[in-house]
Amino acid sequence: MRRLIDLSHAVEHGMVTYPGLPGPVISDYLSREASKDRYAQGTTFHIGKIEMVGNTGTYIDAPFHRYEGEKDLAELPLEQVADLEGIVFRADPARRAIGPELFAGADVRGKAVLVHTGWARHWGTEAYFHGHPFLTAEAAEWLKAAGPALVGIDSLNIDDTVTGERPVHSILLAAGILIVEHLRGLEQLPASGFRFHAVPVKVRGCSAFPVRAYAVVEA
């Protein structure tokens, strides 16, 4: 027996993922009614159109997001975004700043490190945008040395957004460690013993894109 656990938010018309970024515009390029003129009687199709920024919903950041000339979405190896051994770390909900002590002693090399803060409970509300938990620069340095494939978090941002500094993005992406933000459902996962997938569309020249993140848990 195995379970597939969805760890992604749905992308919906007009939803706000991050303050200041536009919500997606989802519309018909070709409606079923309009398609009647193109096909045989009784045969209709729908072709949808989406206009959105890459940082929408649950998304992955490639190194190109932070650094010009580094890997974009099309250059990410599948081995770094699919079928990864996963490990969940449960952060103290009373603390915003998450330091390296959360990971102390863990072997995370080559794994998907998922930080469960519980912040996803605020998704879709104004509270989601204020006072979110984040990793510290010291935590990022620990992770850089430990060498995971990617780091994900169920929060607004893996960095503190009070200032314009983004040390966690800077440290992890410089090391080629991918970042997945706005996860959900991490409370459903065991601490270890599952496989994690977060594969984006293979787009050249793009640095971030929504993923259908999910875990495979062997029962």
N, C-alpha and C. Protein backbone atom coordinates (compact mmCIF):
# COMPACT_ATOMS: atom_id res chain seq x y z
N MET A 1 0.84 -1.20 0.00
CA MET A 1 0.00 0.00 0.00
C MET A 1 0.88 1.25 0.00
N ARG A 2 0.44 2.26 -0.73
CA ARG A 2 1.12 3.54 -0.70
C ARG A 2 0.09 4.65 -0.82
N ARG A 3 0.46 5.81 -0.30
CA ARG A 3 -0.42 6.98 -0.36
C ARG A 3 0.27 8.10 -1.12
N LEU A 4 -0.49 8.81 -1.93
CA LEU A 4 0.00 10.02 -2.58
C LEU A 4 -0.60 11.22 -1.86
N ILE A 5 0.25 12.09 -1.35
CA ILE A 5 -0.21 13.23 -0.56
C ILE A 5 0.11 14.52 -1.30
N ASP A 6 -0.92 15.27 -1.63
CA ASP A 6 -0.78 16.53 -2.35
C ASP A 6 -0.26 17.60 -1.39
N LEU A 7 0.80 18.29 -1.78
CA LEU A 7 1.43 19.30 -0.94
C LEU A 7 1.38 20.69 -1.59
N SER A 8 0.47 20.85 -2.55
CA SER A 8 0.40 22.09 -3.33
C SER A 8 -0.91 22.83 -3.13
N HIS A 9 -0.85 24.14 -3.27
CA HIS A 9 -2.05 24.96 -3.34
C HIS A 9 -2.54 25.00 -4.79
N ALA A 10 -3.84 25.06 -4.98
CA ALA A 10 -4.40 25.22 -6.32
C ALA A 10 -4.17 26.65 -6.81
N VAL A 11 -3.89 26.79 -8.09
CA VAL A 11 -3.76 28.11 -8.71
C VAL A 11 -5.15 28.54 -9.17
N GLU A 12 -5.60 29.69 -8.70
CA GLU A 12 -6.94 30.18 -9.01
C GLU A 12 -6.88 31.60 -9.57
N HIS A 13 -7.84 31.94 -10.38
CA HIS A 13 -7.91 33.27 -10.98
C HIS A 13 -7.89 34.35 -9.90
N GLY A 14 -6.95 35.30 -10.03
CA GLY A 14 -6.90 36.46 -9.17
C GLY A 14 -6.28 36.25 -7.80
N MET A 15 -5.90 35.03 -7.45
CA MET A 15 -5.35 34.78 -6.11
C MET A 15 -4.01 35.50 -5.93
N VAL A 16 -3.75 35.93 -4.71
CA VAL A 16 -2.49 36.60 -4.40
C VAL A 16 -1.58 35.63 -3.66
N THR A 17 -0.40 35.39 -4.21
CA THR A 17 0.57 34.52 -3.57
C THR A 17 1.51 35.33 -2.69
N TYR A 18 1.93 36.48 -3.21
CA TYR A 18 2.88 37.33 -2.49
C TYR A 18 2.48 38.78 -2.72
N PRO A 19 2.42 39.60 -1.67
CA PRO A 19 1.99 40.99 -1.83
C PRO A 19 2.84 41.74 -2.86
N GLY A 20 2.18 42.44 -3.75
CA GLY A 20 2.88 43.20 -4.77
C GLY A 20 3.01 42.49 -6.10
N LEU A 21 2.81 41.17 -6.10
CA LEU A 21 2.84 40.42 -7.35
C LEU A 21 1.41 40.21 -7.84
N PRO A 22 1.19 40.32 -9.14
CA PRO A 22 -0.18 40.18 -9.66
C PRO A 22 -0.68 38.75 -9.55
N GLY A 23 -1.96 38.60 -9.34
CA GLY A 23 -2.58 37.29 -9.34
C GLY A 23 -2.72 36.78 -10.76
N PRO A 24 -2.85 35.49 -10.94
CA PRO A 24 -3.00 34.93 -12.27
C PRO A 24 -4.33 35.32 -12.91
N VAL A 25 -4.30 35.49 -14.22
CA VAL A 25 -5.51 35.76 -14.99
C VAL A 25 -5.80 34.50 -15.81
N ILE A 26 -6.85 33.80 -15.46
CA ILE A 26 -7.22 32.55 -16.12
C ILE A 26 -8.47 32.80 -16.95
N SER A 27 -8.39 32.52 -18.24
CA SER A 27 -9.51 32.82 -19.13
C SER A 27 -9.58 31.78 -20.25
N ASP A 28 -10.58 31.94 -21.10
CA ASP A 28 -10.70 31.08 -22.26
C ASP A 28 -9.95 31.69 -23.44
N TYR A 29 -9.06 30.94 -24.05
CA TYR A 29 -8.54 31.34 -25.35
C TYR A 29 -9.55 30.92 -26.41
N LEU A 30 -10.07 29.71 -26.23
CA LEU A 30 -11.13 29.21 -27.10
C LEU A 30 -12.18 28.56 -26.22
N SER A 31 -13.38 29.12 -26.20
CA SER A 31 -14.45 28.55 -25.40
C SER A 31 -15.09 27.38 -26.14
N ARG A 32 -15.84 26.56 -25.44
CA ARG A 32 -16.53 25.45 -26.08
C ARG A 32 -17.55 25.96 -27.11
N GLU A 33 -18.20 27.07 -26.75
CA GLU A 33 -19.19 27.63 -27.67
C GLU A 33 -18.52 28.08 -28.97
N ALA A 34 -17.39 28.80 -28.81
CA ALA A 34 -16.69 29.30 -29.99
C ALA A 34 -16.08 28.18 -30.82
N SER A 35 -15.75 27.06 -30.17
CA SER A 35 -15.10 25.95 -30.89
C SER A 35 -16.07 25.21 -31.81
N LYS A 36 -17.36 25.43 -31.63
CA LYS A 36 -18.34 24.72 -32.46
C LYS A 36 -18.14 25.00 -33.95
N ASP A 37 -17.64 26.20 -34.26
CA ASP A 37 -17.44 26.58 -35.66
C ASP A 37 -16.21 25.93 -36.27
N ARG A 38 -15.37 25.30 -35.44
CA ARG A 38 -14.10 24.77 -35.93
C ARG A 38 -14.12 23.25 -36.12
N TYR A 39 -15.09 22.60 -35.49
CA TYR A 39 -15.08 21.14 -35.49
C TYR A 39 -16.42 20.59 -35.99
N ALA A 40 -16.48 19.28 -36.13
CA ALA A 40 -17.70 18.63 -36.59
C ALA A 40 -18.82 18.82 -35.58
N GLN A 41 -20.04 18.68 -36.04
CA GLN A 41 -21.19 18.86 -35.16
C GLN A 41 -21.10 17.92 -33.96
N GLY A 42 -21.30 18.48 -32.78
CA GLY A 42 -21.25 17.70 -31.55
C GLY A 42 -19.87 17.56 -30.95
N THR A 43 -18.86 18.12 -31.61
CA THR A 43 -17.47 18.04 -31.12
C THR A 43 -17.02 19.43 -30.69
N THR A 44 -16.74 19.60 -29.42
CA THR A 44 -16.26 20.88 -28.91
C THR A 44 -15.02 20.67 -28.05
N PHE A 45 -14.23 21.73 -27.95
CA PHE A 45 -13.02 21.70 -27.12
C PHE A 45 -12.90 23.01 -26.35
N HIS A 46 -12.18 22.95 -25.25
CA HIS A 46 -11.83 24.14 -24.48
C HIS A 46 -10.33 24.30 -24.49
N ILE A 47 -9.84 25.49 -24.80
CA ILE A 47 -8.42 25.82 -24.70
C ILE A 47 -8.30 27.01 -23.75
N GLY A 48 -7.64 26.78 -22.64
CA GLY A 48 -7.50 27.82 -21.62
C GLY A 48 -6.27 28.68 -21.83
N LYS A 49 -6.29 29.84 -21.23
CA LYS A 49 -5.17 30.78 -21.30
C LYS A 49 -4.87 31.27 -19.88
N ILE A 50 -3.59 31.26 -19.51
CA ILE A 50 -3.18 31.73 -18.20
C ILE A 50 -2.09 32.78 -18.35
N GLU A 51 -2.28 33.92 -17.72
CA GLU A 51 -1.24 34.95 -17.64
C GLU A 51 -0.85 35.08 -16.18
N MET A 52 0.41 34.84 -15.86
CA MET A 52 0.82 34.87 -14.46
C MET A 52 2.32 35.04 -14.35
N VAL A 53 2.76 35.51 -13.18
CA VAL A 53 4.19 35.52 -12.87
C VAL A 53 4.59 34.11 -12.44
N GLY A 54 5.86 33.80 -12.56
CA GLY A 54 6.33 32.47 -12.20
C GLY A 54 6.13 32.13 -10.73
N ASN A 55 6.23 33.15 -9.89
CA ASN A 55 6.10 32.95 -8.45
C ASN A 55 4.62 32.98 -8.05
N THR A 56 3.92 31.94 -8.43
CA THR A 56 2.49 31.83 -8.18
C THR A 56 2.18 30.48 -7.55
N GLY A 57 1.36 30.49 -6.50
CA GLY A 57 0.99 29.25 -5.84
C GLY A 57 2.17 28.59 -5.17
N THR A 58 2.22 27.27 -5.20
CA THR A 58 3.36 26.51 -4.69
C THR A 58 4.37 26.42 -5.82
N TYR A 59 5.55 27.04 -5.66
CA TYR A 59 6.49 27.13 -6.77
C TYR A 59 7.91 26.80 -6.35
N ILE A 60 8.73 26.53 -7.35
CA ILE A 60 10.14 26.23 -7.13
C ILE A 60 10.99 27.36 -7.67
N ASP A 61 12.06 27.68 -6.95
CA ASP A 61 13.03 28.68 -7.39
C ASP A 61 14.28 27.97 -7.90
N ALA A 62 14.66 28.28 -9.13
CA ALA A 62 15.92 27.81 -9.69
C ALA A 62 17.02 28.80 -9.34
N PRO A 63 18.29 28.42 -9.42
CA PRO A 63 19.37 29.37 -9.14
C PRO A 63 19.30 30.67 -9.94
N PHE A 64 18.75 30.60 -11.17
CA PHE A 64 18.62 31.79 -12.01
C PHE A 64 17.71 32.84 -11.38
N HIS A 65 16.86 32.44 -10.45
CA HIS A 65 15.99 33.39 -9.74
C HIS A 65 16.82 34.45 -9.03
N ARG A 66 17.97 34.06 -8.54
CA ARG A 66 18.84 34.97 -7.78
C ARG A 66 20.09 35.39 -8.56
N TYR A 67 20.58 34.49 -9.43
CA TYR A 67 21.88 34.73 -10.05
C TYR A 67 21.82 34.61 -11.57
N GLU A 68 22.19 35.69 -12.24
CA GLU A 68 22.26 35.70 -13.69
C GLU A 68 23.28 34.67 -14.17
N GLY A 69 22.90 33.92 -15.19
CA GLY A 69 23.82 32.97 -15.76
C GLY A 69 23.78 31.59 -15.12
N GLU A 70 23.06 31.45 -14.00
CA GLU A 70 22.95 30.14 -13.36
C GLU A 70 21.77 29.35 -13.95
N LYS A 71 21.55 28.14 -13.48
CA LYS A 71 20.56 27.25 -14.07
C LYS A 71 19.15 27.83 -14.00
N ASP A 72 18.46 27.77 -15.15
CA ASP A 72 17.05 28.15 -15.18
C ASP A 72 16.20 26.88 -15.06
N LEU A 73 14.90 27.01 -15.19
CA LEU A 73 14.01 25.86 -15.01
C LEU A 73 14.31 24.73 -15.98
N ALA A 74 14.64 25.08 -17.21
CA ALA A 74 14.88 24.05 -18.23
C ALA A 74 16.15 23.26 -17.97
N GLU A 75 17.03 23.80 -17.16
CA GLU A 75 18.31 23.16 -16.90
C GLU A 75 18.33 22.33 -15.61
N LEU A 76 17.23 22.31 -14.88
CA LEU A 76 17.21 21.56 -13.63
C LEU A 76 17.16 20.07 -13.93
N PRO A 77 18.06 19.29 -13.37
CA PRO A 77 18.01 17.85 -13.60
C PRO A 77 16.83 17.22 -12.86
N LEU A 78 16.18 16.26 -13.50
CA LEU A 78 15.05 15.59 -12.85
C LEU A 78 15.46 14.96 -11.52
N GLU A 79 16.70 14.55 -11.43
CA GLU A 79 17.18 13.92 -10.19
C GLU A 79 17.13 14.86 -8.99
N GLN A 80 17.00 16.17 -9.25
CA GLN A 80 16.97 17.14 -8.16
C GLN A 80 15.56 17.58 -7.79
N VAL A 81 14.58 17.19 -8.61
CA VAL A 81 13.21 17.65 -8.36
C VAL A 81 12.20 16.51 -8.28
N ALA A 82 12.61 15.29 -8.56
CA ALA A 82 11.68 14.16 -8.58
C ALA A 82 12.25 12.96 -7.86
N ASP A 83 11.36 12.23 -7.18
CA ASP A 83 11.71 10.97 -6.52
C ASP A 83 12.85 11.14 -5.52
N LEU A 84 12.80 12.21 -4.75
CA LEU A 84 13.81 12.48 -3.74
C LEU A 84 13.41 11.85 -2.41
N GLU A 85 14.38 11.34 -1.69
CA GLU A 85 14.12 10.93 -0.32
C GLU A 85 13.78 12.18 0.48
N GLY A 86 12.66 12.16 1.19
CA GLY A 86 12.22 13.35 1.91
C GLY A 86 12.37 13.21 3.41
N ILE A 87 12.54 14.36 4.04
CA ILE A 87 12.62 14.41 5.50
C ILE A 87 11.95 15.70 5.97
N VAL A 88 11.09 15.59 6.98
CA VAL A 88 10.35 16.74 7.50
C VAL A 88 10.91 17.16 8.85
N PHE A 89 11.08 18.46 9.02
CA PHE A 89 11.50 19.02 10.31
C PHE A 89 10.37 19.90 10.82
N ARG A 90 9.92 19.63 12.05
CA ARG A 90 8.79 20.36 12.64
C ARG A 90 9.31 21.56 13.43
N ALA A 91 9.04 22.75 12.96
CA ALA A 91 9.51 23.96 13.64
C ALA A 91 8.60 24.30 14.80
N ASP A 92 9.15 24.97 15.79
CA ASP A 92 8.39 25.45 16.93
C ASP A 92 7.45 26.56 16.46
N PRO A 93 6.14 26.38 16.55
CA PRO A 93 5.21 27.39 16.04
C PRO A 93 5.28 28.72 16.80
N ALA A 94 5.92 28.71 17.94
CA ALA A 94 6.04 29.94 18.72
C ALA A 94 7.21 30.81 18.28
N ARG A 95 8.04 30.28 17.36
CA ARG A 95 9.23 31.02 16.92
C ARG A 95 9.14 31.34 15.44
N ARG A 96 9.45 32.59 15.10
CA ARG A 96 9.46 32.97 13.69
C ARG A 96 10.79 32.60 13.03
N ALA A 97 11.90 32.94 13.69
CA ALA A 97 13.22 32.71 13.13
C ALA A 97 13.66 31.28 13.42
N ILE A 98 13.89 30.50 12.38
CA ILE A 98 14.24 29.09 12.52
C ILE A 98 15.73 28.93 12.26
N GLY A 99 16.46 28.54 13.29
CA GLY A 99 17.91 28.44 13.19
C GLY A 99 18.39 27.03 12.88
N PRO A 100 19.71 26.85 12.82
CA PRO A 100 20.28 25.54 12.44
C PRO A 100 20.03 24.44 13.45
N GLU A 101 19.65 24.81 14.68
CA GLU A 101 19.39 23.80 15.69
C GLU A 101 18.25 22.86 15.30
N LEU A 102 17.36 23.32 14.41
CA LEU A 102 16.26 22.46 13.96
C LEU A 102 16.79 21.23 13.23
N PHE A 103 17.92 21.39 12.55
CA PHE A 103 18.45 20.32 11.71
C PHE A 103 19.61 19.56 12.35
N ALA A 104 20.02 19.95 13.53
CA ALA A 104 21.23 19.42 14.15
C ALA A 104 21.27 17.90 14.16
N GLY A 105 22.38 17.37 13.66
CA GLY A 105 22.60 15.93 13.69
C GLY A 105 21.95 15.14 12.57
N ALA A 106 21.19 15.80 11.71
CA ALA A 106 20.46 15.08 10.66
C ALA A 106 21.33 14.91 9.42
N ASP A 107 21.16 13.79 8.75
CA ASP A 107 21.81 13.53 7.47
C ASP A 107 20.83 13.92 6.37
N VAL A 108 21.08 15.03 5.69
CA VAL A 108 20.14 15.52 4.68
C VAL A 108 20.74 15.54 3.28
N ARG A 109 21.95 15.03 3.12
CA ARG A 109 22.63 15.13 1.83
C ARG A 109 21.82 14.47 0.72
N GLY A 110 21.55 15.25 -0.34
CA GLY A 110 20.83 14.75 -1.48
C GLY A 110 19.33 14.60 -1.28
N LYS A 111 18.83 15.02 -0.13
CA LYS A 111 17.41 14.80 0.20
C LYS A 111 16.59 16.08 -0.01
N ALA A 112 15.29 15.92 0.05
CA ALA A 112 14.36 17.05 0.08
C ALA A 112 14.09 17.38 1.54
N VAL A 113 14.55 18.53 1.98
CA VAL A 113 14.34 18.99 3.36
C VAL A 113 13.09 19.86 3.39
N LEU A 114 12.08 19.42 4.11
CA LEU A 114 10.81 20.15 4.18
C LEU A 114 10.60 20.67 5.59
N VAL A 115 10.40 21.98 5.70
CA VAL A 115 10.24 22.63 7.00
C VAL A 115 8.76 22.89 7.24
N HIS A 116 8.23 22.20 8.23
CA HIS A 116 6.81 22.31 8.58
C HIS A 116 6.64 23.35 9.69
N THR A 117 6.03 24.48 9.35
CA THR A 117 5.80 25.55 10.32
C THR A 117 4.33 25.66 10.72
N GLY A 118 3.45 25.09 9.90
CA GLY A 118 2.02 25.23 10.14
C GLY A 118 1.42 26.50 9.58
N TRP A 119 2.26 27.35 8.94
CA TRP A 119 1.78 28.64 8.44
C TRP A 119 0.76 28.50 7.32
N ALA A 120 0.76 27.36 6.64
CA ALA A 120 -0.18 27.15 5.54
C ALA A 120 -1.64 27.25 5.98
N ARG A 121 -1.88 27.15 7.28
CA ARG A 121 -3.26 27.28 7.77
C ARG A 121 -3.83 28.67 7.49
N HIS A 122 -2.95 29.65 7.26
CA HIS A 122 -3.40 31.02 6.99
C HIS A 122 -3.61 31.30 5.50
N TRP A 123 -3.31 30.31 4.64
CA TRP A 123 -3.41 30.53 3.19
C TRP A 123 -4.81 31.06 2.83
N GLY A 124 -4.84 32.07 1.97
CA GLY A 124 -6.10 32.64 1.54
C GLY A 124 -6.64 33.71 2.45
N THR A 125 -5.88 34.06 3.50
CA THR A 125 -6.29 35.12 4.42
C THR A 125 -5.21 36.19 4.48
N GLU A 126 -5.57 37.35 4.98
CA GLU A 126 -4.61 38.45 5.12
C GLU A 126 -3.49 38.08 6.09
N ALA A 127 -3.77 37.22 7.05
CA ALA A 127 -2.77 36.83 8.05
C ALA A 127 -1.58 36.13 7.42
N TYR A 128 -1.78 35.50 6.27
CA TYR A 128 -0.69 34.76 5.63
C TYR A 128 0.47 35.67 5.27
N PHE A 129 0.20 36.96 5.04
CA PHE A 129 1.21 37.89 4.55
C PHE A 129 1.98 38.60 5.65
N HIS A 130 1.66 38.34 6.89
CA HIS A 130 2.28 39.09 7.99
C HIS A 130 2.83 38.16 9.06
N GLY A 131 4.10 38.38 9.42
CA GLY A 131 4.69 37.65 10.54
C GLY A 131 4.99 36.20 10.28
N HIS A 132 5.29 35.85 9.05
CA HIS A 132 5.52 34.45 8.70
C HIS A 132 6.84 33.92 9.27
N PRO A 133 6.92 32.62 9.52
CA PRO A 133 8.18 32.02 9.94
C PRO A 133 9.16 31.90 8.77
N PHE A 134 10.46 31.87 9.08
CA PHE A 134 11.49 31.86 8.04
C PHE A 134 12.76 31.23 8.58
N LEU A 135 13.66 30.87 7.69
CA LEU A 135 14.97 30.35 8.09
C LEU A 135 15.95 31.51 8.27
N THR A 136 16.88 31.34 9.18
CA THR A 136 17.93 32.34 9.37
C THR A 136 19.08 32.07 8.42
N ALA A 137 19.95 33.06 8.31
CA ALA A 137 21.15 32.88 7.48
C ALA A 137 22.01 31.75 8.03
N GLU A 138 22.05 31.61 9.35
CA GLU A 138 22.83 30.53 9.96
C GLU A 138 22.27 29.16 9.59
N ALA A 139 20.95 29.06 9.53
CA ALA A 139 20.33 27.81 9.11
C ALA A 139 20.69 27.50 7.65
N ALA A 140 20.70 28.55 6.82
CA ALA A 140 21.05 28.36 5.41
C ALA A 140 22.50 27.91 5.26
N GLU A 141 23.38 28.46 6.06
CA GLU A 141 24.78 28.05 6.01
C GLU A 141 24.93 26.59 6.43
N TRP A 142 24.17 26.18 7.44
CA TRP A 142 24.21 24.77 7.86
C TRP A 142 23.75 23.87 6.72
N LEU A 143 22.65 24.26 6.07
CA LEU A 143 22.11 23.47 4.98
C LEU A 143 23.07 23.44 3.79
N LYS A 144 23.71 24.55 3.51
CA LYS A 144 24.69 24.60 2.43
C LYS A 144 25.78 23.56 2.65
N ALA A 145 26.28 23.49 3.87
CA ALA A 145 27.33 22.52 4.18
C ALA A 145 26.81 21.09 4.17
N ALA A 146 25.53 20.91 4.51
CA ALA A 146 24.95 19.56 4.61
C ALA A 146 24.55 19.00 3.25
N GLY A 147 24.29 19.87 2.26
CA GLY A 147 24.09 19.43 0.89
C GLY A 147 22.79 18.77 0.51
N PRO A 148 21.62 19.28 0.93
CA PRO A 148 20.36 18.70 0.42
C PRO A 148 20.15 19.06 -1.04
N ALA A 149 19.24 18.35 -1.70
CA ALA A 149 18.91 18.67 -3.09
C ALA A 149 18.05 19.92 -3.17
N LEU A 150 17.11 20.02 -2.25
CA LEU A 150 16.23 21.19 -2.19
C LEU A 150 15.72 21.37 -0.78
N VAL A 151 15.22 22.57 -0.52
CA VAL A 151 14.63 22.91 0.78
C VAL A 151 13.28 23.54 0.52
N GLY A 152 12.24 23.01 1.18
CA GLY A 152 10.90 23.55 1.03
C GLY A 152 10.34 24.02 2.35
N ILE A 153 9.39 24.94 2.28
CA ILE A 153 8.78 25.47 3.49
C ILE A 153 7.31 25.80 3.21
N ASP A 154 6.46 25.64 4.22
CA ASP A 154 5.02 25.93 4.07
C ASP A 154 4.71 27.33 4.57
N SER A 155 5.45 28.30 4.07
CA SER A 155 5.34 29.67 4.57
C SER A 155 5.38 30.64 3.40
N LEU A 156 5.15 31.92 3.69
CA LEU A 156 5.15 32.97 2.67
C LEU A 156 6.48 33.07 1.96
N ASN A 157 7.57 32.90 2.70
CA ASN A 157 8.90 33.05 2.13
C ASN A 157 9.90 32.31 3.01
N ILE A 158 10.92 31.74 2.43
CA ILE A 158 11.94 31.05 3.21
C ILE A 158 12.83 32.05 3.93
N ASP A 159 12.80 33.31 3.48
CA ASP A 159 13.55 34.41 4.10
C ASP A 159 12.62 35.31 4.90
N ASP A 160 13.20 36.05 5.83
CA ASP A 160 12.48 37.16 6.46
C ASP A 160 12.31 38.24 5.40
N THR A 161 11.15 38.85 5.33
CA THR A 161 10.89 39.85 4.29
C THR A 161 10.78 41.27 4.86
N VAL A 162 11.19 41.45 6.10
CA VAL A 162 11.12 42.78 6.72
C VAL A 162 12.04 43.75 6.00
N THR A 163 13.21 43.27 5.56
CA THR A 163 14.14 44.10 4.80
C THR A 163 14.26 43.52 3.39
N GLY A 164 15.05 44.17 2.56
CA GLY A 164 15.27 43.69 1.21
C GLY A 164 16.32 42.61 1.10
N GLU A 165 16.95 42.27 2.20
CA GLU A 165 17.96 41.22 2.18
C GLU A 165 17.30 39.84 2.07
N ARG A 166 17.93 38.96 1.36
CA ARG A 166 17.42 37.60 1.20
C ARG A 166 18.58 36.61 1.35
N PRO A 167 19.14 36.50 2.57
CA PRO A 167 20.32 35.65 2.75
C PRO A 167 20.08 34.18 2.46
N VAL A 168 18.91 33.66 2.78
CA VAL A 168 18.66 32.23 2.58
C VAL A 168 18.59 31.91 1.09
N HIS A 169 17.85 32.72 0.33
CA HIS A 169 17.84 32.54 -1.12
C HIS A 169 19.27 32.64 -1.68
N SER A 170 19.99 33.64 -1.22
CA SER A 170 21.34 33.88 -1.74
C SER A 170 22.27 32.71 -1.47
N ILE A 171 22.24 32.20 -0.25
CA ILE A 171 23.15 31.12 0.15
C ILE A 171 22.77 29.80 -0.52
N LEU A 172 21.50 29.44 -0.46
CA LEU A 172 21.08 28.15 -1.00
C LEU A 172 21.19 28.11 -2.52
N LEU A 173 20.69 29.12 -3.21
CA LEU A 173 20.71 29.10 -4.66
C LEU A 173 22.13 29.20 -5.21
N ALA A 174 23.01 29.91 -4.51
CA ALA A 174 24.42 29.96 -4.92
C ALA A 174 25.06 28.58 -4.85
N ALA A 175 24.57 27.75 -3.92
CA ALA A 175 25.09 26.40 -3.76
C ALA A 175 24.37 25.39 -4.65
N GLY A 176 23.41 25.86 -5.46
CA GLY A 176 22.66 24.97 -6.33
C GLY A 176 21.57 24.21 -5.63
N ILE A 177 21.21 24.63 -4.41
CA ILE A 177 20.14 23.99 -3.64
C ILE A 177 18.83 24.70 -3.99
N LEU A 178 17.87 23.97 -4.51
CA LEU A 178 16.62 24.56 -4.95
C LEU A 178 15.72 24.89 -3.76
N ILE A 179 14.76 25.79 -4.00
CA ILE A 179 13.85 26.25 -2.94
C ILE A 179 12.41 26.06 -3.42
N VAL A 180 11.58 25.47 -2.57
CA VAL A 180 10.15 25.37 -2.83
C VAL A 180 9.41 26.11 -1.72
N GLU A 181 8.57 27.06 -2.09
CA GLU A 181 7.84 27.86 -1.11
C GLU A 181 6.34 27.65 -1.25
N HIS A 182 5.61 28.01 -0.19
CA HIS A 182 4.14 27.90 -0.15
C HIS A 182 3.66 26.45 -0.25
N LEU A 183 4.34 25.56 0.44
CA LEU A 183 3.85 24.19 0.53
C LEU A 183 2.65 24.13 1.46
N ARG A 184 1.96 23.03 1.44
CA ARG A 184 0.83 22.80 2.34
C ARG A 184 0.80 21.30 2.68
N GLY A 185 0.06 20.96 3.74
CA GLY A 185 -0.18 19.56 4.04
C GLY A 185 0.98 18.80 4.65
N LEU A 186 2.01 19.50 5.10
CA LEU A 186 3.17 18.79 5.64
C LEU A 186 2.85 18.04 6.93
N GLU A 187 1.78 18.42 7.59
CA GLU A 187 1.38 17.71 8.81
C GLU A 187 0.93 16.28 8.51
N GLN A 188 0.65 15.99 7.25
CA GLN A 188 0.22 14.65 6.87
C GLN A 188 1.38 13.68 6.65
N LEU A 189 2.60 14.21 6.63
CA LEU A 189 3.76 13.39 6.31
C LEU A 189 4.43 12.84 7.56
N PRO A 190 5.01 11.64 7.45
CA PRO A 190 5.87 11.16 8.53
C PRO A 190 7.18 11.95 8.51
N ALA A 191 7.96 11.83 9.54
CA ALA A 191 9.22 12.57 9.61
C ALA A 191 10.19 12.15 8.50
N SER A 192 10.10 10.90 8.08
CA SER A 192 10.97 10.39 7.03
C SER A 192 10.29 9.18 6.39
N GLY A 193 10.98 8.56 5.44
CA GLY A 193 10.42 7.37 4.82
C GLY A 193 9.43 7.64 3.71
N PHE A 194 9.57 8.77 3.01
CA PHE A 194 8.70 9.08 1.88
C PHE A 194 9.54 9.65 0.74
N ARG A 195 8.96 9.69 -0.45
CA ARG A 195 9.61 10.27 -1.63
C ARG A 195 8.89 11.57 -2.00
N PHE A 196 9.66 12.56 -2.40
CA PHE A 196 9.12 13.89 -2.67
C PHE A 196 9.33 14.25 -4.14
N HIS A 197 8.31 14.88 -4.72
CA HIS A 197 8.35 15.31 -6.13
C HIS A 197 7.88 16.76 -6.22
N ALA A 198 8.59 17.59 -6.97
CA ALA A 198 8.19 18.99 -7.21
C ALA A 198 8.75 19.42 -8.56
N VAL A 199 8.14 18.95 -9.63
CA VAL A 199 8.68 19.14 -10.98
C VAL A 199 8.00 20.33 -11.67
N PRO A 200 8.78 21.33 -12.10
CA PRO A 200 8.19 22.45 -12.83
C PRO A 200 8.17 22.18 -14.33
N VAL A 201 7.46 23.01 -15.06
CA VAL A 201 7.51 22.97 -16.52
C VAL A 201 8.91 23.36 -16.97
N LYS A 202 9.38 22.75 -18.05
CA LYS A 202 10.74 22.96 -18.55
C LYS A 202 10.80 24.22 -19.41
N VAL A 203 10.90 25.38 -18.76
CA VAL A 203 10.85 26.67 -19.47
C VAL A 203 12.23 27.32 -19.48
N ARG A 204 12.73 27.61 -20.66
CA ARG A 204 14.02 28.29 -20.77
C ARG A 204 13.85 29.79 -20.46
N GLY A 205 14.83 30.32 -19.73
CA GLY A 205 14.81 31.74 -19.42
C GLY A 205 13.87 32.13 -18.31
N CYS A 206 13.32 31.13 -17.59
CA CYS A 206 12.41 31.40 -16.47
C CYS A 206 13.04 30.87 -15.19
N SER A 207 12.84 31.58 -14.10
CA SER A 207 13.56 31.27 -12.87
C SER A 207 12.70 30.64 -11.79
N ALA A 208 11.38 30.74 -11.90
CA ALA A 208 10.48 30.16 -10.91
C ALA A 208 9.19 29.76 -11.61
N PHE A 209 8.55 28.70 -11.08
CA PHE A 209 7.31 28.26 -11.71
C PHE A 209 6.54 27.37 -10.75
N PRO A 210 5.20 27.39 -10.84
CA PRO A 210 4.41 26.50 -9.98
C PRO A 210 4.76 25.03 -10.21
N VAL A 211 4.63 24.26 -9.14
CA VAL A 211 4.84 22.81 -9.20
C VAL A 211 3.63 22.11 -8.58
N ARG A 212 3.40 20.88 -8.98
CA ARG A 212 2.44 20.02 -8.28
C ARG A 212 3.29 19.18 -7.32
N ALA A 213 3.58 19.75 -6.18
CA ALA A 213 4.40 19.04 -5.19
C ALA A 213 3.57 17.95 -4.52
N TYR A 214 4.17 16.79 -4.36
CA TYR A 214 3.47 15.71 -3.68
C TYR A 214 4.47 14.73 -3.08
N ALA A 215 3.99 13.94 -2.16
CA ALA A 215 4.82 12.93 -1.53
C ALA A 215 4.21 11.56 -1.73
N VAL A 216 5.08 10.56 -1.85
CA VAL A 216 4.66 9.17 -1.93
C VAL A 216 5.07 8.50 -0.62
N VAL A 217 4.08 8.07 0.13
CA VAL A 217 4.33 7.46 1.43
C VAL A 217 3.96 5.98 1.36
N GLU A 218 4.92 5.15 1.67
CA GLU A 218 4.67 3.70 1.70
C GLU A 218 4.03 3.34 3.04
N ALA A 219 2.86 2.75 2.99
CA ALA A 219 2.12 2.41 4.22
C ALA A 219 2.67 1.13 4.83
